[in-house]
Amino acid sequence: MDLTAYYQKIRSTAASIKDEYPVVVSAVTPDGGKAGVLTEVTRAVAAKMIVDGEANLAASAAAAAFRAAQVAAKAAADQAAAASRVQVSILTPAELNKLKTADSLKDRT
């Protein structure tokens, strides 16, 4: 294997990739790689995976859908993290009585 040609091919492939973080689709590999898995990687990693035959660039529609799914997953994780936080307020007996009387006045109306 000519390493100079190999690394030149990686550099030229990386130069042809427009996105800074492209989405790649994995291919079946002899060591058990699963086909069809979308992943966002750096340009250099994408180029190496493409040259090695481990992945291909995802179509723009598939990449957009993948990124939208990632944004939705991040929002869901942020919401779950916010919901797991418990807020505790310590009330004095006077403040508790104020809240009770305000609540009972609201019930009467």
N, C-alpha and C. Protein backbone atom coordinates (compact mmCIF):
# COMPACT_ATOMS: atom_id res chain seq x y z
N MET A 1 0.85 -1.18 0.00
CA MET A 1 0.00 0.00 0.00
C MET A 1 0.89 1.24 0.00
N ASP A 2 0.59 2.14 -0.89
CA ASP A 2 1.34 3.38 -1.00
C ASP A 2 0.70 4.41 -0.05
N LEU A 3 1.38 4.67 1.05
CA LEU A 3 0.83 5.57 2.06
C LEU A 3 0.70 7.00 1.57
N THR A 4 1.60 7.41 0.71
CA THR A 4 1.53 8.77 0.17
C THR A 4 0.24 8.95 -0.63
N ALA A 5 -0.06 7.98 -1.48
CA ALA A 5 -1.29 8.06 -2.28
C ALA A 5 -2.53 7.96 -1.40
N TYR A 6 -2.47 7.11 -0.37
CA TYR A 6 -3.59 6.94 0.56
C TYR A 6 -3.93 8.26 1.25
N TYR A 7 -2.92 8.90 1.84
CA TYR A 7 -3.17 10.14 2.56
C TYR A 7 -3.50 11.30 1.62
N GLN A 8 -2.97 11.26 0.40
CA GLN A 8 -3.35 12.28 -0.58
C GLN A 8 -4.82 12.13 -0.96
N LYS A 9 -5.27 10.90 -1.07
CA LYS A 9 -6.68 10.64 -1.38
C LYS A 9 -7.58 11.13 -0.23
N ILE A 10 -7.16 10.92 1.01
CA ILE A 10 -7.92 11.42 2.17
C ILE A 10 -7.98 12.94 2.15
N ARG A 11 -6.85 13.60 1.87
CA ARG A 11 -6.82 15.06 1.82
C ARG A 11 -7.70 15.60 0.70
N SER A 12 -7.66 14.97 -0.47
CA SER A 12 -8.49 15.46 -1.58
C SER A 12 -9.97 15.21 -1.31
N THR A 13 -10.29 14.11 -0.66
CA THR A 13 -11.69 13.85 -0.29
C THR A 13 -12.16 14.85 0.74
N ALA A 14 -11.32 15.15 1.72
CA ALA A 14 -11.67 16.14 2.74
C ALA A 14 -11.88 17.52 2.12
N ALA A 15 -11.08 17.85 1.13
CA ALA A 15 -11.22 19.15 0.47
C ALA A 15 -12.51 19.24 -0.33
N SER A 16 -13.02 18.10 -0.78
CA SER A 16 -14.25 18.11 -1.58
C SER A 16 -15.52 18.16 -0.73
N ILE A 17 -15.38 17.94 0.58
CA ILE A 17 -16.54 17.97 1.47
C ILE A 17 -16.78 19.41 1.89
N LYS A 18 -18.02 19.89 1.67
CA LYS A 18 -18.34 21.30 1.94
C LYS A 18 -18.56 21.59 3.42
N ASP A 19 -19.31 20.72 4.10
CA ASP A 19 -19.67 20.98 5.49
C ASP A 19 -18.48 20.79 6.43
N GLU A 20 -18.47 21.59 7.49
CA GLU A 20 -17.45 21.43 8.52
C GLU A 20 -17.69 20.13 9.29
N TYR A 21 -18.96 19.82 9.56
CA TYR A 21 -19.35 18.60 10.25
C TYR A 21 -20.38 17.85 9.39
N PRO A 22 -19.93 17.07 8.43
CA PRO A 22 -20.86 16.37 7.55
C PRO A 22 -21.51 15.17 8.24
N VAL A 23 -22.64 14.78 7.72
CA VAL A 23 -23.32 13.58 8.20
C VAL A 23 -22.97 12.45 7.25
N VAL A 24 -22.52 11.33 7.81
CA VAL A 24 -22.16 10.18 6.99
C VAL A 24 -23.10 9.01 7.32
N VAL A 25 -23.26 8.14 6.33
CA VAL A 25 -24.06 6.92 6.49
C VAL A 25 -23.09 5.76 6.48
N SER A 26 -23.14 4.94 7.51
CA SER A 26 -22.20 3.83 7.61
C SER A 26 -22.51 2.75 6.57
N ALA A 27 -21.49 1.99 6.25
CA ALA A 27 -21.62 0.87 5.32
C ALA A 27 -21.30 -0.42 6.07
N VAL A 28 -21.68 -1.54 5.51
CA VAL A 28 -21.35 -2.83 6.11
C VAL A 28 -19.84 -3.03 6.00
N THR A 29 -19.22 -3.42 7.10
CA THR A 29 -17.78 -3.68 7.09
C THR A 29 -17.52 -5.12 7.54
N PRO A 30 -16.39 -5.68 7.15
CA PRO A 30 -16.09 -7.07 7.53
C PRO A 30 -15.95 -7.28 9.03
N ASP A 31 -15.66 -6.21 9.76
CA ASP A 31 -15.48 -6.36 11.21
C ASP A 31 -16.77 -6.12 11.99
N GLY A 32 -17.92 -6.20 11.32
CA GLY A 32 -19.20 -6.11 12.01
C GLY A 32 -19.87 -4.76 11.96
N GLY A 33 -19.38 -3.84 11.14
CA GLY A 33 -20.00 -2.53 11.01
C GLY A 33 -21.41 -2.64 10.45
N LYS A 34 -22.32 -1.87 11.01
CA LYS A 34 -23.73 -1.93 10.62
C LYS A 34 -24.02 -0.86 9.58
N ALA A 35 -24.77 -1.21 8.57
CA ALA A 35 -25.08 -0.28 7.49
C ALA A 35 -26.25 0.62 7.87
N GLY A 36 -26.21 1.86 7.37
CA GLY A 36 -27.34 2.76 7.50
C GLY A 36 -27.37 3.62 8.74
N VAL A 37 -26.34 3.60 9.54
CA VAL A 37 -26.31 4.41 10.76
C VAL A 37 -25.78 5.81 10.40
N LEU A 38 -26.58 6.83 10.72
CA LEU A 38 -26.18 8.21 10.44
C LEU A 38 -25.37 8.75 11.60
N THR A 39 -24.29 9.46 11.29
CA THR A 39 -23.42 10.04 12.31
C THR A 39 -22.87 11.36 11.80
N GLU A 40 -22.78 12.34 12.69
CA GLU A 40 -22.16 13.62 12.34
C GLU A 40 -20.72 13.59 12.83
N VAL A 41 -19.78 13.79 11.92
CA VAL A 41 -18.36 13.71 12.24
C VAL A 41 -17.63 14.92 11.67
N THR A 42 -16.36 15.04 11.98
CA THR A 42 -15.55 16.11 11.40
C THR A 42 -15.25 15.78 9.94
N ARG A 43 -14.83 16.77 9.22
CA ARG A 43 -14.52 16.61 7.81
C ARG A 43 -13.40 15.58 7.61
N ALA A 44 -12.38 15.63 8.46
CA ALA A 44 -11.24 14.71 8.33
C ALA A 44 -11.67 13.26 8.60
N VAL A 45 -12.48 13.06 9.60
CA VAL A 45 -12.95 11.71 9.92
C VAL A 45 -13.85 11.19 8.80
N ALA A 46 -14.71 12.05 8.27
CA ALA A 46 -15.58 11.66 7.17
C ALA A 46 -14.75 11.24 5.96
N ALA A 47 -13.73 12.02 5.65
CA ALA A 47 -12.87 11.70 4.50
C ALA A 47 -12.19 10.35 4.69
N LYS A 48 -11.67 10.09 5.88
CA LYS A 48 -11.01 8.81 6.14
C LYS A 48 -12.00 7.65 6.04
N MET A 49 -13.20 7.84 6.58
CA MET A 49 -14.21 6.78 6.51
C MET A 49 -14.63 6.51 5.07
N ILE A 50 -14.74 7.54 4.27
CA ILE A 50 -15.12 7.38 2.87
C ILE A 50 -14.02 6.65 2.09
N VAL A 51 -12.77 7.07 2.28
CA VAL A 51 -11.65 6.43 1.58
C VAL A 51 -11.51 4.97 2.00
N ASP A 52 -11.74 4.69 3.29
CA ASP A 52 -11.63 3.31 3.78
C ASP A 52 -12.84 2.45 3.41
N GLY A 53 -13.89 3.06 2.84
CA GLY A 53 -15.07 2.31 2.45
C GLY A 53 -15.99 2.00 3.62
N GLU A 54 -15.84 2.71 4.72
CA GLU A 54 -16.67 2.47 5.90
C GLU A 54 -17.94 3.30 5.91
N ALA A 55 -18.01 4.36 5.09
CA ALA A 55 -19.18 5.23 5.08
C ALA A 55 -19.25 6.00 3.77
N ASN A 56 -20.41 6.62 3.56
CA ASN A 56 -20.63 7.52 2.43
C ASN A 56 -21.28 8.78 2.99
N LEU A 57 -21.17 9.88 2.25
CA LEU A 57 -21.85 11.10 2.68
C LEU A 57 -23.35 10.89 2.58
N ALA A 58 -24.07 11.39 3.57
CA ALA A 58 -25.53 11.29 3.56
C ALA A 58 -26.11 12.30 2.58
N ALA A 59 -27.25 11.98 2.02
CA ALA A 59 -27.95 12.92 1.15
C ALA A 59 -28.38 14.12 1.99
N SER A 60 -28.53 15.26 1.34
CA SER A 60 -28.85 16.48 2.09
C SER A 60 -30.17 16.36 2.85
N ALA A 61 -31.16 15.68 2.28
CA ALA A 61 -32.45 15.50 2.97
C ALA A 61 -32.27 14.62 4.21
N ALA A 62 -31.49 13.55 4.07
CA ALA A 62 -31.25 12.66 5.21
C ALA A 62 -30.46 13.37 6.30
N ALA A 63 -29.48 14.19 5.89
CA ALA A 63 -28.69 14.93 6.86
C ALA A 63 -29.55 15.95 7.60
N ALA A 64 -30.44 16.62 6.88
CA ALA A 64 -31.33 17.60 7.52
C ALA A 64 -32.28 16.91 8.50
N ALA A 65 -32.81 15.76 8.12
CA ALA A 65 -33.70 15.01 9.01
C ALA A 65 -32.93 14.53 10.25
N PHE A 66 -31.69 14.09 10.06
CA PHE A 66 -30.86 13.64 11.18
C PHE A 66 -30.61 14.78 12.16
N ARG A 67 -30.25 15.94 11.62
CA ARG A 67 -29.98 17.10 12.49
C ARG A 67 -31.25 17.56 13.20
N ALA A 68 -32.39 17.51 12.53
CA ALA A 68 -33.66 17.88 13.17
C ALA A 68 -33.98 16.92 14.30
N ALA A 69 -33.72 15.64 14.10
CA ALA A 69 -33.94 14.65 15.15
C ALA A 69 -33.01 14.88 16.33
N GLN A 70 -31.77 15.29 16.05
CA GLN A 70 -30.82 15.57 17.12
C GLN A 70 -31.25 16.78 17.94
N VAL A 71 -31.78 17.81 17.25
CA VAL A 71 -32.27 19.00 17.95
C VAL A 71 -33.45 18.63 18.84
N ALA A 72 -34.36 17.80 18.31
CA ALA A 72 -35.53 17.38 19.10
C ALA A 72 -35.10 16.54 20.31
N ALA A 73 -34.12 15.66 20.12
CA ALA A 73 -33.63 14.84 21.23
C ALA A 73 -32.96 15.71 22.29
N LYS A 74 -32.23 16.73 21.87
CA LYS A 74 -31.58 17.64 22.83
C LYS A 74 -32.62 18.41 23.61
N ALA A 75 -33.68 18.88 22.93
CA ALA A 75 -34.75 19.61 23.62
C ALA A 75 -35.45 18.72 24.63
N ALA A 76 -35.70 17.46 24.26
CA ALA A 76 -36.35 16.52 25.18
C ALA A 76 -35.46 16.24 26.38
N ALA A 77 -34.16 16.09 26.15
CA ALA A 77 -33.23 15.85 27.26
C ALA A 77 -33.15 17.06 28.19
N ASP A 78 -33.13 18.26 27.60
CA ASP A 78 -33.11 19.47 28.42
C ASP A 78 -34.37 19.59 29.25
N GLN A 79 -35.52 19.25 28.65
CA GLN A 79 -36.79 19.33 29.36
C GLN A 79 -36.82 18.30 30.49
N ALA A 80 -36.33 17.10 30.25
CA ALA A 80 -36.29 16.07 31.29
C ALA A 80 -35.36 16.48 32.42
N ALA A 81 -34.24 17.10 32.08
CA ALA A 81 -33.30 17.55 33.11
C ALA A 81 -33.92 18.67 33.95
N ALA A 82 -34.65 19.57 33.29
CA ALA A 82 -35.29 20.65 34.03
C ALA A 82 -36.40 20.12 34.93
N ALA A 83 -37.12 19.12 34.46
CA ALA A 83 -38.20 18.54 35.25
C ALA A 83 -37.68 17.77 36.45
N SER A 84 -36.47 17.27 36.35
CA SER A 84 -35.91 16.48 37.46
C SER A 84 -35.39 17.35 38.59
N ARG A 85 -35.20 18.62 38.32
CA ARG A 85 -34.74 19.52 39.38
C ARG A 85 -35.90 19.84 40.31
N VAL A 86 -35.66 19.73 41.59
CA VAL A 86 -36.69 20.01 42.58
C VAL A 86 -36.40 21.38 43.19
N GLN A 87 -37.44 22.21 43.21
CA GLN A 87 -37.28 23.52 43.84
C GLN A 87 -37.98 23.50 45.18
N VAL A 88 -37.28 23.92 46.20
CA VAL A 88 -37.81 23.92 47.55
C VAL A 88 -37.82 25.35 48.06
N SER A 89 -38.94 25.72 48.63
CA SER A 89 -39.05 27.04 49.25
C SER A 89 -39.41 26.84 50.72
N ILE A 90 -38.70 27.52 51.57
CA ILE A 90 -38.99 27.44 53.01
C ILE A 90 -39.84 28.65 53.37
N LEU A 91 -40.99 28.35 53.95
CA LEU A 91 -41.93 29.40 54.34
C LEU A 91 -41.97 29.53 55.85
N THR A 92 -42.09 30.74 56.27
CA THR A 92 -42.33 30.97 57.71
C THR A 92 -43.81 30.69 57.96
N PRO A 93 -44.17 30.45 59.22
CA PRO A 93 -45.58 30.21 59.52
C PRO A 93 -46.48 31.38 59.09
N ALA A 94 -46.00 32.59 59.17
CA ALA A 94 -46.80 33.75 58.77
C ALA A 94 -47.04 33.71 57.26
N GLU A 95 -46.02 33.38 56.48
CA GLU A 95 -46.19 33.29 55.03
C GLU A 95 -47.15 32.16 54.65
N LEU A 96 -47.07 31.06 55.38
CA LEU A 96 -47.97 29.94 55.12
C LEU A 96 -49.41 30.34 55.39
N ASN A 97 -49.63 31.07 56.49
CA ASN A 97 -50.99 31.52 56.81
C ASN A 97 -51.51 32.48 55.74
N LYS A 98 -50.65 33.35 55.23
CA LYS A 98 -51.06 34.27 54.16
C LYS A 98 -51.51 33.50 52.92
N LEU A 99 -50.73 32.47 52.56
CA LEU A 99 -51.08 31.66 51.39
C LEU A 99 -52.40 30.92 51.61
N LYS A 100 -52.61 30.42 52.82
CA LYS A 100 -53.84 29.69 53.12
C LYS A 100 -55.04 30.63 53.05
N THR A 101 -54.91 31.82 53.61
CA THR A 101 -56.05 32.75 53.59
C THR A 101 -56.28 33.23 52.16
N ALA A 102 -55.27 33.46 51.40
CA ALA A 102 -55.45 33.89 50.00
C ALA A 102 -56.12 32.79 49.20
N ASP A 103 -55.73 31.55 49.46
CA ASP A 103 -56.33 30.42 48.75
C ASP A 103 -57.79 30.24 49.16
N SER A 104 -58.07 30.39 50.44
CA SER A 104 -59.47 30.23 50.89
C SER A 104 -60.33 31.36 50.36
N LEU A 105 -59.79 32.57 50.24
CA LEU A 105 -60.57 33.68 49.67
C LEU A 105 -60.86 33.41 48.19
N LYS A 106 -59.92 32.82 47.50
CA LYS A 106 -60.09 32.52 46.08
C LYS A 106 -61.19 31.46 45.90
N ASP A 107 -61.24 30.48 46.82
CA ASP A 107 -62.25 29.44 46.73
C ASP A 107 -63.67 29.99 46.95
N ARG A 108 -63.82 31.02 47.76
CA ARG A 108 -65.13 31.59 48.07
C ARG A 108 -65.72 32.36 46.90
N THR A 109 -64.86 32.88 46.04
CA THR A 109 -65.37 33.69 44.93
C THR A 109 -65.77 32.89 43.74
